[in-house]
Structures are given as structure tokens and as C-alpha cells.
């Protein structure tokens, strides 16, 4: 499940995937 892939980012790299994964996990919990 990688939503940011179509948001407007270029080909998602390992680094971006890790950052996005952490963000998605922190966002819902913080909200």
C-alpha cells in the first residue's frame, strides 16, 4: 500500500518508502 507513489513523487526509492511508511504509521496515531 503505497499511496504516495501516485501523489506526485517520482519513482519511489527505498529511502522514500521508509519515510512514507513511518509517516503513515505516525499520522493516524497522532490524529
PDB file of N, CA and C in Angstrom:
ATOM      1  N   UNK A   1       0.819  -1.202   0.000  1.00  0.00           N
ATOM      2  CA  UNK A   1       0.000   0.000   0.000  1.00  0.00           C
ATOM      3  C   UNK A   1       0.852   1.250   0.000  1.00  0.00           C
ATOM      4  N   UNK A   2       1.117   1.755  -1.204  1.00  0.00           N
ATOM      5  CA  UNK A   2       1.944   2.958  -1.294  1.00  0.00           C
ATOM      6  C   UNK A   2       1.172   4.033  -2.032  1.00  0.00           C
ATOM      7  N   UNK A   3       0.499   4.902  -1.283  1.00  0.00           N
ATOM      8  CA  UNK A   3      -0.341   5.934  -1.886  1.00  0.00           C
ATOM      9  C   UNK A   3       0.485   7.057  -2.489  1.00  0.00           C
ATOM     10  N   UNK A   4       1.625   7.370  -1.849  1.00  0.00           N
ATOM     11  CA  UNK A   4       2.465   8.474  -2.303  1.00  0.00           C
ATOM     12  C   UNK A   4       3.029   8.227  -3.699  1.00  0.00           C
ATOM     13  N   UNK A   5       2.957   6.977  -4.174  1.00  0.00           N
ATOM     14  CA  UNK A   5       3.509   6.643  -5.483  1.00  0.00           C
ATOM     15  C   UNK A   5       2.806   7.430  -6.581  1.00  0.00           C
ATOM     16  N   UNK A   6       1.548   7.762  -6.361  1.00  0.00           N
ATOM     17  CA  UNK A   6       0.785   8.470  -7.392  1.00  0.00           C
ATOM     18  C   UNK A   6       0.449   9.894  -6.984  1.00  0.00           C
ATOM     19  N   UNK A   7       0.917  10.308  -5.827  1.00  0.00           N
ATOM     20  CA  UNK A   7       0.637  11.660  -5.342  1.00  0.00           C
ATOM     21  C   UNK A   7       1.288  12.706  -6.229  1.00  0.00           C
ATOM     22  N   UNK A   8       2.533  12.466  -6.604  1.00  0.00           N
ATOM     23  CA  UNK A   8       3.233  13.453  -7.414  1.00  0.00           C
ATOM     24  C   UNK A   8       4.736  13.249  -7.286  1.00  0.00           C
ATOM     25  N   UNK A   9       5.105  12.201  -6.555  1.00  0.00           N
ATOM     26  CA  UNK A   9       6.522  11.885  -6.395  1.00  0.00           C
ATOM     27  C   UNK A   9       6.999  11.044  -7.569  1.00  0.00           C
ATOM     28  N   UNK A  10       8.298  11.145  -7.892  1.00  0.00           N
ATOM     29  CA  UNK A  10       8.870  10.301  -8.953  1.00  0.00           C
ATOM     30  C   UNK A  10       8.891   8.855  -8.484  1.00  0.00           C
ATOM     31  N   UNK A  11       9.594   7.995  -9.174  1.00  0.00           N
ATOM     32  CA  UNK A  11       9.650   6.594  -8.769  1.00  0.00           C
ATOM     33  C   UNK A  11      10.110   6.504  -7.322  1.00  0.00           C
ATOM     34  N   UNK A  12       9.275   5.945  -6.444  1.00  0.00           N
ATOM     35  CA  UNK A  12       9.600   5.834  -5.019  1.00  0.00           C
ATOM     36  C   UNK A  12      10.839   4.991  -4.774  1.00  0.00           C
ATOM     37  N   UNK A  13      11.788   5.548  -4.021  1.00  0.00           N
ATOM     38  CA  UNK A  13      13.018   4.816  -3.722  1.00  0.00           C
ATOM     39  C   UNK A  13      12.887   4.157  -2.361  1.00  0.00           C
ATOM     40  N   UNK A  14      13.885   3.362  -1.981  1.00  0.00           N
ATOM     41  CA  UNK A  14      13.839   2.690  -0.684  1.00  0.00           C
ATOM     42  C   UNK A  14      13.748   3.711   0.440  1.00  0.00           C
ATOM     43  N   UNK A  15      14.506   4.810   0.309  1.00  0.00           N
ATOM     44  CA  UNK A  15      14.519   5.828   1.356  1.00  0.00           C
ATOM     45  C   UNK A  15      13.142   6.456   1.505  1.00  0.00           C
ATOM     46  N   UNK A  16      12.537   6.851   0.378  1.00  0.00           N
ATOM     47  CA  UNK A  16      11.222   7.489   0.437  1.00  0.00           C
ATOM     48  C   UNK A  16      10.178   6.506   0.959  1.00  0.00           C
ATOM     49  N   UNK A  17      10.304   5.244   0.576  1.00  0.00           N
ATOM     50  CA  UNK A  17       9.344   4.241   1.013  1.00  0.00           C
ATOM     51  C   UNK A  17       9.375   4.120   2.533  1.00  0.00           C
ATOM     52  N   UNK A  18      10.586   4.129   3.102  1.00  0.00           N
ATOM     53  CA  UNK A  18      10.725   4.020   4.557  1.00  0.00           C
ATOM     54  C   UNK A  18      10.115   5.237   5.234  1.00  0.00           C
ATOM     55  N   UNK A  19      10.425   6.416   4.719  1.00  0.00           N
ATOM     56  CA  UNK A  19       9.917   7.663   5.300  1.00  0.00           C
ATOM     57  C   UNK A  19       8.393   7.692   5.218  1.00  0.00           C
ATOM     58  N   UNK A  20       7.854   7.313   4.065  1.00  0.00           N
ATOM     59  CA  UNK A  20       6.406   7.332   3.879  1.00  0.00           C
ATOM     60  C   UNK A  20       5.735   6.324   4.802  1.00  0.00           C
ATOM     61  N   UNK A  21       6.355   5.152   4.955  1.00  0.00           N
ATOM     62  CA  UNK A  21       5.779   4.123   5.812  1.00  0.00           C
ATOM     63  C   UNK A  21       5.695   4.624   7.241  1.00  0.00           C
ATOM     64  N   UNK A  22       6.767   5.265   7.713  1.00  0.00           N
ATOM     65  CA  UNK A  22       6.792   5.785   9.079  1.00  0.00           C
ATOM     66  C   UNK A  22       5.749   6.887   9.223  1.00  0.00           C
ATOM     67  N   UNK A  23       5.662   7.753   8.219  1.00  0.00           N
ATOM     68  CA  UNK A  23       4.717   8.872   8.265  1.00  0.00           C
ATOM     69  C   UNK A  23       3.284   8.347   8.352  1.00  0.00           C
ATOM     70  N   UNK A  24       2.973   7.352   7.536  1.00  0.00           N
ATOM     71  CA  UNK A  24       1.617   6.811   7.517  1.00  0.00           C
ATOM     72  C   UNK A  24       1.281   6.176   8.865  1.00  0.00           C
ATOM     73  N   UNK A  25       2.286   5.586   9.521  1.00  0.00           N
ATOM     74  CA  UNK A  25       2.038   4.925  10.804  1.00  0.00           C
ATOM     75  C   UNK A  25       1.904   5.953  11.919  1.00  0.00           C
ATOM     76  N   UNK A  26       2.623   7.071  11.801  1.00  0.00           N
ATOM     77  CA  UNK A  26       2.576   8.094  12.841  1.00  0.00           C
ATOM     78  C   UNK A  26       1.349   8.988  12.677  1.00  0.00           C
ATOM     79  N   UNK A  27       0.993   9.294  11.456  1.00  0.00           N
ATOM     80  CA  UNK A  27      -0.137  10.192  11.189  1.00  0.00           C
ATOM     81  C   UNK A  27      -1.436   9.718  11.846  1.00  0.00           C
ATOM     82  N   UNK A  28      -1.923   8.518  11.527  1.00  0.00           N
ATOM     83  CA  UNK A  28      -3.194   8.037  12.078  1.00  0.00           C
ATOM     84  C   UNK A  28      -3.181   7.991  13.607  1.00  0.00           C
ATOM     85  N   UNK A  29      -2.060   7.618  14.200  1.00  0.00           N
ATOM     86  CA  UNK A  29      -1.977   7.522  15.656  1.00  0.00           C
ATOM     87  C   UNK A  29      -2.005   8.913  16.274  1.00  0.00           C
ATOM     88  N   UNK A  30      -1.326   9.859  15.641  1.00  0.00           N
ATOM     89  CA  UNK A  30      -1.277  11.224  16.163  1.00  0.00           C
ATOM     90  C   UNK A  30      -2.643  11.883  16.066  1.00  0.00           C
ATOM     91  N   UNK A  31      -3.338  11.628  14.974  1.00  0.00           N
ATOM     92  CA  UNK A  31      -4.636  12.284  14.762  1.00  0.00           C
ATOM     93  C   UNK A  31      -5.618  11.870  15.852  1.00  0.00           C
TER      94      UNK A  31
END
